[in-house]
Amino acid sequence: MAAGMVITVTFIGALRRASGERTQIIDCEGCSVRELIEKMGTDSPELKRNLIGGEGEHQHPNALVLVNGREISVLNGLNTRLVDDDEVVFIPVVHGG
């Protein structure tokens, strides 16, 4: 891989099926979480649909997104900027009653 900004992305549960793999290493120089999802969505539209809603304006309520162990809602949401060696984890949320 060419020198750049390396982000490790991990998918849990149903999101692992949507992505086709458990872990990806992605070069995403200067990306926000939204831009990372958009980039992954070019190869996996299903994955993108499971992570962001509408026109990419908001996080899908059925998925948690962690950056280095912190949920993005306590950071800057989908606008959270990523830096080299960050780890992003996508976790499906199961609702029931």
PDB file of N, CA and C in Angstrom:
ATOM      1  N   MET A   1       0.843  -1.169   0.000  1.00  0.00           N
ATOM      2  CA  MET A   1       0.000   0.000   0.000  1.00  0.00           C
ATOM      3  C   MET A   1       0.894   1.239   0.000  1.00  0.00           C
ATOM      4  N   ALA A   2       0.518   2.216  -0.781  1.00  0.00           N
ATOM      5  CA  ALA A   2       1.288   3.450  -0.851  1.00  0.00           C
ATOM      6  C   ALA A   2       1.212   4.190   0.478  1.00  0.00           C
ATOM      7  N   ALA A   3       2.232   4.984   0.727  1.00  0.00           N
ATOM      8  CA  ALA A   3       2.232   5.764   1.961  1.00  0.00           C
ATOM      9  C   ALA A   3       1.025   6.691   1.960  1.00  0.00           C
ATOM     10  N   GLY A   4       0.366   6.741   3.061  1.00  0.00           N
ATOM     11  CA  GLY A   4      -0.827   7.575   3.195  1.00  0.00           C
ATOM     12  C   GLY A   4      -1.347   7.417   4.597  1.00  0.00           C
ATOM     13  N   MET A   5      -2.588   7.726   4.777  1.00  0.00           N
ATOM     14  CA  MET A   5      -3.203   7.612   6.078  1.00  0.00           C
ATOM     15  C   MET A   5      -3.929   6.278   6.168  1.00  0.00           C
ATOM     16  N   VAL A   6      -3.501   5.423   7.072  1.00  0.00           N
ATOM     17  CA  VAL A   6      -4.060   4.076   7.180  1.00  0.00           C
ATOM     18  C   VAL A   6      -5.057   4.016   8.331  1.00  0.00           C
ATOM     19  N   ILE A   7      -6.275   3.590   8.002  1.00  0.00           N
ATOM     20  CA  ILE A   7      -7.345   3.417   8.977  1.00  0.00           C
ATOM     21  C   ILE A   7      -7.689   1.934   9.010  1.00  0.00           C
ATOM     22  N   THR A   8      -7.761   1.347  10.213  1.00  0.00           N
ATOM     23  CA  THR A   8      -8.195  -0.037  10.364  1.00  0.00           C
ATOM     24  C   THR A   8      -9.686  -0.012  10.661  1.00  0.00           C
ATOM     25  N   VAL A   9     -10.450  -0.744   9.858  1.00  0.00           N
ATOM     26  CA  VAL A   9     -11.902  -0.788  10.005  1.00  0.00           C
ATOM     27  C   VAL A   9     -12.306  -2.212  10.344  1.00  0.00           C
ATOM     28  N   THR A  10     -13.111  -2.364  11.404  1.00  0.00           N
ATOM     29  CA  THR A  10     -13.587  -3.679  11.837  1.00  0.00           C
ATOM     30  C   THR A  10     -15.110  -3.683  11.793  1.00  0.00           C
ATOM     31  N   PHE A  11     -15.655  -4.786  11.295  1.00  0.00           N
ATOM     32  CA  PHE A  11     -17.102  -4.949  11.174  1.00  0.00           C
ATOM     33  C   PHE A  11     -17.549  -6.089  12.079  1.00  0.00           C
ATOM     34  N   ILE A  12     -18.630  -5.875  12.816  1.00  0.00           N
ATOM     35  CA  ILE A  12     -19.163  -6.869  13.736  1.00  0.00           C
ATOM     36  C   ILE A  12     -20.528  -7.338  13.228  1.00  0.00           C
ATOM     37  N   GLY A  13     -20.839  -8.627  13.448  1.00  0.00           N
ATOM     38  CA  GLY A  13     -22.161  -9.185  13.168  1.00  0.00           C
ATOM     39  C   GLY A  13     -22.616  -9.021  11.728  1.00  0.00           C
ATOM     40  N   ALA A  14     -23.856  -8.542  11.569  1.00  0.00           N
ATOM     41  CA  ALA A  14     -24.463  -8.406  10.240  1.00  0.00           C
ATOM     42  C   ALA A  14     -23.677  -7.444   9.356  1.00  0.00           C
ATOM     43  N   LEU A  15     -22.999  -6.487   9.958  1.00  0.00           N
ATOM     44  CA  LEU A  15     -22.201  -5.549   9.157  1.00  0.00           C
ATOM     45  C   LEU A  15     -20.990  -6.245   8.563  1.00  0.00           C
ATOM     46  N   ARG A  16     -20.536  -7.293   9.210  1.00  0.00           N
ATOM     47  CA  ARG A  16     -19.439  -8.096   8.655  1.00  0.00           C
ATOM     48  C   ARG A  16     -19.902  -8.779   7.367  1.00  0.00           C
ATOM     49  N   ARG A  17     -21.131  -9.283   7.378  1.00  0.00           N
ATOM     50  CA  ARG A  17     -21.687  -9.904   6.163  1.00  0.00           C
ATOM     51  C   ARG A  17     -21.844  -8.877   5.049  1.00  0.00           C
ATOM     52  N   ALA A  18     -22.318  -7.687   5.407  1.00  0.00           N
ATOM     53  CA  ALA A  18     -22.515  -6.639   4.404  1.00  0.00           C
ATOM     54  C   ALA A  18     -21.195  -6.196   3.787  1.00  0.00           C
ATOM     55  N   SER A  19     -20.128  -6.181   4.585  1.00  0.00           N
ATOM     56  CA  SER A  19     -18.828  -5.734   4.073  1.00  0.00           C
ATOM     57  C   SER A  19     -18.078  -6.841   3.338  1.00  0.00           C
ATOM     58  N   GLY A  20     -18.394  -8.094   3.707  1.00  0.00           N
ATOM     59  CA  GLY A  20     -17.712  -9.225   3.083  1.00  0.00           C
ATOM     60  C   GLY A  20     -16.442  -9.642   3.808  1.00  0.00           C
ATOM     61  N   GLU A  21     -16.058  -8.903   4.836  1.00  0.00           N
ATOM     62  CA  GLU A  21     -14.870  -9.265   5.612  1.00  0.00           C
ATOM     63  C   GLU A  21     -14.931  -8.651   7.001  1.00  0.00           C
ATOM     64  N   ARG A  22     -14.129  -9.209   7.899  1.00  0.00           N
ATOM     65  CA  ARG A  22     -14.133  -8.741   9.286  1.00  0.00           C
ATOM     66  C   ARG A  22     -13.342  -7.452   9.452  1.00  0.00           C
ATOM     67  N   THR A  23     -12.225  -7.336   8.774  1.00  0.00           N
ATOM     68  CA  THR A  23     -11.345  -6.173   8.924  1.00  0.00           C
ATOM     69  C   THR A  23     -10.871  -5.696   7.555  1.00  0.00           C
ATOM     70  N   GLN A  24     -10.788  -4.389   7.409  1.00  0.00           N
ATOM     71  CA  GLN A  24     -10.224  -3.780   6.209  1.00  0.00           C
ATOM     72  C   GLN A  24      -9.204  -2.733   6.642  1.00  0.00           C
ATOM     73  N   ILE A  25      -8.162  -2.593   5.846  1.00  0.00           N
ATOM     74  CA  ILE A  25      -7.195  -1.509   6.024  1.00  0.00           C
ATOM     75  C   ILE A  25      -7.460  -0.558   4.859  1.00  0.00           C
ATOM     76  N   ILE A  26      -7.805   0.684   5.183  1.00  0.00           N
ATOM     77  CA  ILE A  26      -8.214   1.636   4.149  1.00  0.00           C
ATOM     78  C   ILE A  26      -7.326   2.868   4.198  1.00  0.00           C
ATOM     79  N   ASP A  27      -6.876   3.301   3.032  1.00  0.00           N
ATOM     80  CA  ASP A  27      -6.129   4.544   2.912  1.00  0.00           C
ATOM     81  C   ASP A  27      -7.157   5.641   2.690  1.00  0.00           C
ATOM     82  N   CYS A  28      -7.286   6.509   3.658  1.00  0.00           N
ATOM     83  CA  CYS A  28      -8.343   7.524   3.616  1.00  0.00           C
ATOM     84  C   CYS A  28      -7.788   8.842   4.140  1.00  0.00           C
ATOM     85  N   GLU A  29      -6.857   9.397   3.414  1.00  0.00           N
ATOM     86  CA  GLU A  29      -6.160  10.622   3.833  1.00  0.00           C
ATOM     87  C   GLU A  29      -7.126  11.775   4.046  1.00  0.00           C
ATOM     88  N   GLY A  30      -7.105  12.337   5.262  1.00  0.00           N
ATOM     89  CA  GLY A  30      -7.926  13.497   5.582  1.00  0.00           C
ATOM     90  C   GLY A  30      -9.416  13.232   5.687  1.00  0.00           C
ATOM     91  N   CYS A  31      -9.806  11.981   5.855  1.00  0.00           N
ATOM     92  CA  CYS A  31     -11.226  11.599   5.862  1.00  0.00           C
ATOM     93  C   CYS A  31     -11.932  11.933   7.162  1.00  0.00           C
ATOM     94  N   SER A  32     -13.226  12.151   7.021  1.00  0.00           N
ATOM     95  CA  SER A  32     -14.136  12.131   8.159  1.00  0.00           C
ATOM     96  C   SER A  32     -14.754  10.732   8.176  1.00  0.00           C
ATOM     97  N   VAL A  33     -15.481  10.410   9.235  1.00  0.00           N
ATOM     98  CA  VAL A  33     -16.171   9.119   9.288  1.00  0.00           C
ATOM     99  C   VAL A  33     -17.140   9.014   8.112  1.00  0.00           C
ATOM    100  N   ARG A  34     -17.869  10.081   7.813  1.00  0.00           N
ATOM    101  CA  ARG A  34     -18.815  10.084   6.681  1.00  0.00           C
ATOM    102  C   ARG A  34     -18.089   9.766   5.367  1.00  0.00           C
ATOM    103  N   GLU A  35     -16.947  10.401   5.148  1.00  0.00           N
ATOM    104  CA  GLU A  35     -16.188  10.173   3.909  1.00  0.00           C
ATOM    105  C   GLU A  35     -15.650   8.745   3.849  1.00  0.00           C
ATOM    106  N   LEU A  36     -15.265   8.195   4.991  1.00  0.00           N
ATOM    107  CA  LEU A  36     -14.824   6.801   5.039  1.00  0.00           C
ATOM    108  C   LEU A  36     -15.965   5.880   4.626  1.00  0.00           C
ATOM    109  N   ILE A  37     -17.160   6.113   5.163  1.00  0.00           N
ATOM    110  CA  ILE A  37     -18.324   5.293   4.811  1.00  0.00           C
ATOM    111  C   ILE A  37     -18.659   5.443   3.331  1.00  0.00           C
ATOM    112  N   GLU A  38     -18.603   6.660   2.821  1.00  0.00           N
ATOM    113  CA  GLU A  38     -18.857   6.895   1.391  1.00  0.00           C
ATOM    114  C   GLU A  38     -17.856   6.112   0.539  1.00  0.00           C
ATOM    115  N   LYS A  39     -16.590   6.139   0.949  1.00  0.00           N
ATOM    116  CA  LYS A  39     -15.547   5.431   0.201  1.00  0.00           C
ATOM    117  C   LYS A  39     -15.817   3.929   0.205  1.00  0.00           C
ATOM    118  N   MET A  40     -16.162   3.375   1.366  1.00  0.00           N
ATOM    119  CA  MET A  40     -16.463   1.942   1.450  1.00  0.00           C
ATOM    120  C   MET A  40     -17.726   1.614   0.676  1.00  0.00           C
ATOM    121  N   GLY A  41     -18.665   2.558   0.621  1.00  0.00           N
ATOM    122  CA  GLY A  41     -19.937   2.343  -0.053  1.00  0.00           C
ATOM    123  C   GLY A  41     -19.831   2.210  -1.557  1.00  0.00           C
ATOM    124  N   THR A  42     -18.730   2.655  -2.153  1.00  0.00           N
ATOM    125  CA  THR A  42     -18.578   2.484  -3.601  1.00  0.00           C
ATOM    126  C   THR A  42     -18.465   1.009  -3.955  1.00  0.00           C
ATOM    127  N   ASP A  43     -17.871   0.213  -3.050  1.00  0.00           N
ATOM    128  CA  ASP A  43     -17.756  -1.228  -3.276  1.00  0.00           C
ATOM    129  C   ASP A  43     -18.900  -2.006  -2.637  1.00  0.00           C
ATOM    130  N   SER A  44     -19.548  -1.421  -1.642  1.00  0.00           N
ATOM    131  CA  SER A  44     -20.601  -2.118  -0.917  1.00  0.00           C
ATOM    132  C   SER A  44     -21.748  -1.165  -0.569  1.00  0.00           C
ATOM    133  N   PRO A  45     -22.650  -0.920  -1.534  1.00  0.00           N
ATOM    134  CA  PRO A  45     -23.785  -0.032  -1.264  1.00  0.00           C
ATOM    135  C   PRO A  45     -24.645  -0.509  -0.089  1.00  0.00           C
ATOM    136  N   GLU A  46     -24.760  -1.828   0.096  1.00  0.00           N
ATOM    137  CA  GLU A  46     -25.536  -2.365   1.212  1.00  0.00           C
ATOM    138  C   GLU A  46     -24.931  -1.920   2.544  1.00  0.00           C
ATOM    139  N   LEU A  47     -23.625  -1.965   2.635  1.00  0.00           N
ATOM    140  CA  LEU A  47     -22.945  -1.536   3.852  1.00  0.00           C
ATOM    141  C   LEU A  47     -23.242  -0.065   4.125  1.00  0.00           C
ATOM    142  N   LYS A  48     -23.142   0.763   3.116  1.00  0.00           N
ATOM    143  CA  LYS A  48     -23.419   2.193   3.272  1.00  0.00           C
ATOM    144  C   LYS A  48     -24.849   2.412   3.758  1.00  0.00           C
ATOM    145  N   ARG A  49     -25.815   1.703   3.183  1.00  0.00           N
ATOM    146  CA  ARG A  49     -27.212   1.841   3.602  1.00  0.00           C
ATOM    147  C   ARG A  49     -27.411   1.460   5.066  1.00  0.00           C
ATOM    148  N   ASN A  50     -26.598   0.528   5.564  1.00  0.00           N
ATOM    149  CA  ASN A  50     -26.703   0.101   6.951  1.00  0.00           C
ATOM    150  C   ASN A  50     -26.037   1.071   7.928  1.00  0.00           C
ATOM    151  N   LEU A  51     -25.225   1.985   7.425  1.00  0.00           N
ATOM    152  CA  LEU A  51     -24.463   2.875   8.307  1.00  0.00           C
ATOM    153  C   LEU A  51     -24.936   4.322   8.311  1.00  0.00           C
ATOM    154  N   ILE A  52     -25.382   4.829   7.162  1.00  0.00           N
ATOM    155  CA  ILE A  52     -25.865   6.205   7.120  1.00  0.00           C
ATOM    156  C   ILE A  52     -27.193   6.258   6.388  1.00  0.00           C
ATOM    157  N   GLY A  53     -28.037   7.201   6.799  1.00  0.00           N
ATOM    158  CA  GLY A  53     -29.367   7.324   6.231  1.00  0.00           C
ATOM    159  C   GLY A  53     -29.500   8.531   5.329  1.00  0.00           C
ATOM    160  N   GLY A  54     -30.613   8.561   4.636  1.00  0.00           N
ATOM    161  CA  GLY A  54     -30.913   9.692   3.757  1.00  0.00           C
ATOM    162  C   GLY A  54     -29.832   9.890   2.716  1.00  0.00           C
ATOM    163  N   GLU A  55     -29.436  11.103   2.538  1.00  0.00           N
ATOM    164  CA  GLU A  55     -28.384  11.457   1.581  1.00  0.00           C
ATOM    165  C   GLU A  55     -27.032  11.536   2.283  1.00  0.00           C
ATOM    166  N   GLY A  56     -26.823  10.648   3.264  1.00  0.00           N
ATOM    167  CA  GLY A  56     -25.572  10.669   4.007  1.00  0.00           C
ATOM    168  C   GLY A  56     -25.546  11.734   5.078  1.00  0.00           C
ATOM    169  N   GLU A  57     -26.743  12.229   5.437  1.00  0.00           N
ATOM    170  CA  GLU A  57     -26.822  13.339   6.378  1.00  0.00           C
ATOM    171  C   GLU A  57     -26.783  12.915   7.837  1.00  0.00           C
ATOM    172  N   HIS A  58     -27.161  11.668   8.139  1.00  0.00           N
ATOM    173  CA  HIS A  58     -27.191  11.259   9.536  1.00  0.00           C
ATOM    174  C   HIS A  58     -26.799   9.794   9.694  1.00  0.00           C
ATOM    175  N   GLN A  59     -26.345   9.469  10.875  1.00  0.00           N
ATOM    176  CA  GLN A  59     -25.949   8.101  11.206  1.00  0.00           C
ATOM    177  C   GLN A  59     -27.200   7.244  11.326  1.00  0.00           C
ATOM    178  N   HIS A  60     -27.158   6.048  10.771  1.00  0.00           N
ATOM    179  CA  HIS A  60     -28.270   5.115  10.866  1.00  0.00           C
ATOM    180  C   HIS A  60     -28.428   4.699  12.326  1.00  0.00           C
ATOM    181  N   PRO A  61     -29.663   4.692  12.851  1.00  0.00           N
ATOM    182  CA  PRO A  61     -29.849   4.362  14.275  1.00  0.00           C
ATOM    183  C   PRO A  61     -29.583   2.899  14.615  1.00  0.00           C
ATOM    184  N   ASN A  62     -29.426   2.047  13.606  1.00  0.00           N
ATOM    185  CA  ASN A  62     -29.198   0.623  13.858  1.00  0.00           C
ATOM    186  C   ASN A  62     -27.722   0.246  13.846  1.00  0.00           C
ATOM    187  N   ALA A  63     -26.840   1.244  13.953  1.00  0.00           N
ATOM    188  CA  ALA A  63     -25.402   0.959  13.970  1.00  0.00           C
ATOM    189  C   ALA A  63     -24.681   1.920  14.901  1.00  0.00           C
ATOM    190  N   LEU A  64     -23.767   1.365  15.669  1.00  0.00           N
ATOM    191  CA  LEU A  64     -22.858   2.180  16.474  1.00  0.00           C
ATOM    192  C   LEU A  64     -21.549   2.292  15.717  1.00  0.00           C
ATOM    193  N   VAL A  65     -20.944   3.453  15.795  1.00  0.00           N
ATOM    194  CA  VAL A  65     -19.647   3.671  15.163  1.00  0.00           C
ATOM    195  C   VAL A  65     -18.691   4.142  16.245  1.00  0.00           C
ATOM    196  N   LEU A  66     -17.618   3.385  16.424  1.00  0.00           N
ATOM    197  CA  LEU A  66     -16.604   3.732  17.412  1.00  0.00           C
ATOM    198  C   LEU A  66     -15.319   4.134  16.706  1.00  0.00           C
ATOM    199  N   VAL A  67     -14.695   5.193  17.190  1.00  0.00           N
ATOM    200  CA  VAL A  67     -13.365   5.592  16.725  1.00  0.00           C
ATOM    201  C   VAL A  67     -12.459   5.490  17.940  1.00  0.00           C
ATOM    202  N   ASN A  68     -11.509   4.585  17.853  1.00  0.00           N
ATOM    203  CA  ASN A  68     -10.576   4.345  18.966  1.00  0.00           C
ATOM    204  C   ASN A  68     -11.325   4.103  20.279  1.00  0.00           C
ATOM    205  N   GLY A  69     -12.420   3.335  20.191  1.00  0.00           N
ATOM    206  CA  GLY A  69     -13.173   2.945  21.376  1.00  0.00           C
ATOM    207  C   GLY A  69     -14.196   3.952  21.866  1.00  0.00           C
ATOM    208  N   ARG A  70     -14.330   5.084  21.184  1.00  0.00           N
ATOM    209  CA  ARG A  70     -15.302   6.113  21.593  1.00  0.00           C
ATOM    210  C   ARG A  70     -16.394   6.245  20.542  1.00  0.00           C
ATOM    211  N   GLU A  71     -17.646   6.229  21.009  1.00  0.00           N
ATOM    212  CA  GLU A  71     -18.782   6.351  20.103  1.00  0.00           C
ATOM    213  C   GLU A  71     -18.763   7.747  19.478  1.00  0.00           C
ATOM    214  N   ILE A  72     -19.035   7.829  18.170  1.00  0.00           N
ATOM    215  CA  ILE A  72     -18.864   9.107  17.475  1.00  0.00           C
ATOM    216  C   ILE A  72     -19.828  10.191  17.942  1.00  0.00           C
ATOM    217  N   SER A  73     -20.921   9.814  18.621  1.00  0.00           N
ATOM    218  CA  SER A  73     -21.845  10.850  19.115  1.00  0.00           C
ATOM    219  C   SER A  73     -21.196  11.715  20.198  1.00  0.00           C
ATOM    220  N   VAL A  74     -20.176  11.205  20.887  1.00  0.00           N
ATOM    221  CA  VAL A  74     -19.471  12.014  21.890  1.00  0.00           C
ATOM    222  C   VAL A  74     -18.268  12.730  21.267  1.00  0.00           C
ATOM    223  N   LEU A  75     -18.045  12.482  20.005  1.00  0.00           N
ATOM    224  CA  LEU A  75     -16.976  13.171  19.267  1.00  0.00           C
ATOM    225  C   LEU A  75     -17.651  14.230  18.400  1.00  0.00           C
ATOM    226  N   ASN A  76     -17.562  14.099  17.096  1.00  0.00           N
ATOM    227  CA  ASN A  76     -18.194  15.066  16.189  1.00  0.00           C
ATOM    228  C   ASN A  76     -19.101  14.361  15.194  1.00  0.00           C
ATOM    229  N   GLY A  77     -19.725  13.256  15.638  1.00  0.00           N
ATOM    230  CA  GLY A  77     -20.641  12.516  14.772  1.00  0.00           C
ATOM    231  C   GLY A  77     -19.962  12.059  13.494  1.00  0.00           C
ATOM    232  N   LEU A  78     -20.710  12.067  12.410  1.00  0.00           N
ATOM    233  CA  LEU A  78     -20.165  11.644  11.111  1.00  0.00           C
ATOM    234  C   LEU A  78     -19.063  12.570  10.617  1.00  0.00           C
ATOM    235  N   ASN A  79     -18.970  13.767  11.190  1.00  0.00           N
ATOM    236  CA  ASN A  79     -17.923  14.715  10.801  1.00  0.00           C
ATOM    237  C   ASN A  79     -16.623  14.519  11.568  1.00  0.00           C
ATOM    238  N   THR A  80     -16.568  13.498  12.428  1.00  0.00           N
ATOM    239  CA  THR A  80     -15.344  13.201  13.179  1.00  0.00           C
ATOM    240  C   THR A  80     -14.199  12.959  12.203  1.00  0.00           C
ATOM    241  N   ARG A  81     -13.121  13.713  12.367  1.00  0.00           N
ATOM    242  CA  ARG A  81     -11.956  13.570  11.488  1.00  0.00           C
ATOM    243  C   ARG A  81     -11.104  12.397  11.956  1.00  0.00           C
ATOM    244  N   LEU A  82     -10.612  11.652  11.010  1.00  0.00           N
ATOM    245  CA  LEU A  82      -9.761  10.501  11.302  1.00  0.00           C
ATOM    246  C   LEU A  82      -8.305  10.862  11.059  1.00  0.00           C
ATOM    247  N   VAL A  83      -7.438  10.241  11.858  1.00  0.00           N
ATOM    248  CA  VAL A  83      -6.001  10.448  11.698  1.00  0.00           C
ATOM    249  C   VAL A  83      -5.337   9.092  11.489  1.00  0.00           C
ATOM    250  N   ASP A  84      -4.111   9.125  11.044  1.00  0.00           N
ATOM    251  CA  ASP A  84      -3.352   7.910  10.761  1.00  0.00           C
ATOM    252  C   ASP A  84      -3.390   6.953  11.949  1.00  0.00           C
ATOM    253  N   ASP A  85      -3.595   5.679  11.654  1.00  0.00           N
ATOM    254  CA  ASP A  85      -3.633   4.590  12.632  1.00  0.00           C
ATOM    255  C   ASP A  85      -4.887   4.555  13.499  1.00  0.00           C
ATOM    256  N   ASP A  86      -5.913   5.349  13.190  1.00  0.00           N
ATOM    257  CA  ASP A  86      -7.172   5.237  13.918  1.00  0.00           C
ATOM    258  C   ASP A  86      -7.802   3.876  13.649  1.00  0.00           C
ATOM    259  N   GLU A  87      -8.586   3.411  14.615  1.00  0.00           N
ATOM    260  CA  GLU A  87      -9.373   2.189  14.434  1.00  0.00           C
ATOM    261  C   GLU A  87     -10.845   2.566  14.502  1.00  0.00           C
ATOM    262  N   VAL A  88     -11.578   2.191  13.464  1.00  0.00           N
ATOM    263  CA  VAL A  88     -13.013   2.441  13.397  1.00  0.00           C
ATOM    264  C   VAL A  88     -13.713   1.089  13.462  1.00  0.00           C
ATOM    265  N   VAL A  89     -14.696   0.978  14.361  1.00  0.00           N
ATOM    266  CA  VAL A  89     -15.443  -0.263  14.519  1.00  0.00           C
ATOM    267  C   VAL A  89     -16.917   0.037  14.271  1.00  0.00           C
ATOM    268  N   PHE A  90     -17.545  -0.784  13.428  1.00  0.00           N
ATOM    269  CA  PHE A  90     -18.969  -0.663  13.127  1.00  0.00           C
ATOM    270  C   PHE A  90     -19.691  -1.834  13.782  1.00  0.00           C
ATOM    271  N   ILE A  91     -20.671  -1.520  14.640  1.00  0.00           N
ATOM    272  CA  ILE A  91     -21.387  -2.535  15.406  1.00  0.00           C
ATOM    273  C   ILE A  91     -22.883  -2.387  15.158  1.00  0.00           C
ATOM    274  N   PRO A  92     -23.571  -3.459  14.723  1.00  0.00           N
ATOM    275  CA  PRO A  92     -25.013  -3.372  14.551  1.00  0.00           C
ATOM    276  C   PRO A  92     -25.713  -3.319  15.906  1.00  0.00           C
ATOM    277  N   VAL A  93     -26.813  -2.582  15.953  1.00  0.00           N
ATOM    278  CA  VAL A  93     -27.613  -2.489  17.169  1.00  0.00           C
ATOM    279  C   VAL A  93     -28.900  -3.267  16.913  1.00  0.00           C
ATOM    280  N   VAL A  94     -29.216  -4.162  17.828  1.00  0.00           N
ATOM    281  CA  VAL A  94     -30.420  -4.975  17.705  1.00  0.00           C
ATOM    282  C   VAL A  94     -31.467  -4.405  18.652  1.00  0.00           C
ATOM    283  N   HIS A  95     -32.638  -4.095  18.113  1.00  0.00           N
ATOM    284  CA  HIS A  95     -33.742  -3.565  18.913  1.00  0.00           C
ATOM    285  C   HIS A  95     -34.762  -4.673  19.095  1.00  0.00           C
ATOM    286  N   GLY A  96     -35.404  -4.666  20.203  1.00  0.00           N
ATOM    287  CA  GLY A  96     -36.449  -5.667  20.437  1.00  0.00           C
ATOM    288  C   GLY A  96     -37.301  -5.266  21.613  1.00  0.00           C
ATOM    289  N   GLY A  97     -38.233  -6.103  21.885  1.00  0.00           N
ATOM    290  CA  GLY A  97     -39.107  -5.765  22.999  1.00  0.00           C
ATOM    291  C   GLY A  97     -39.622  -6.983  23.690  1.00  0.00           C
TER     292      GLY A  97
END
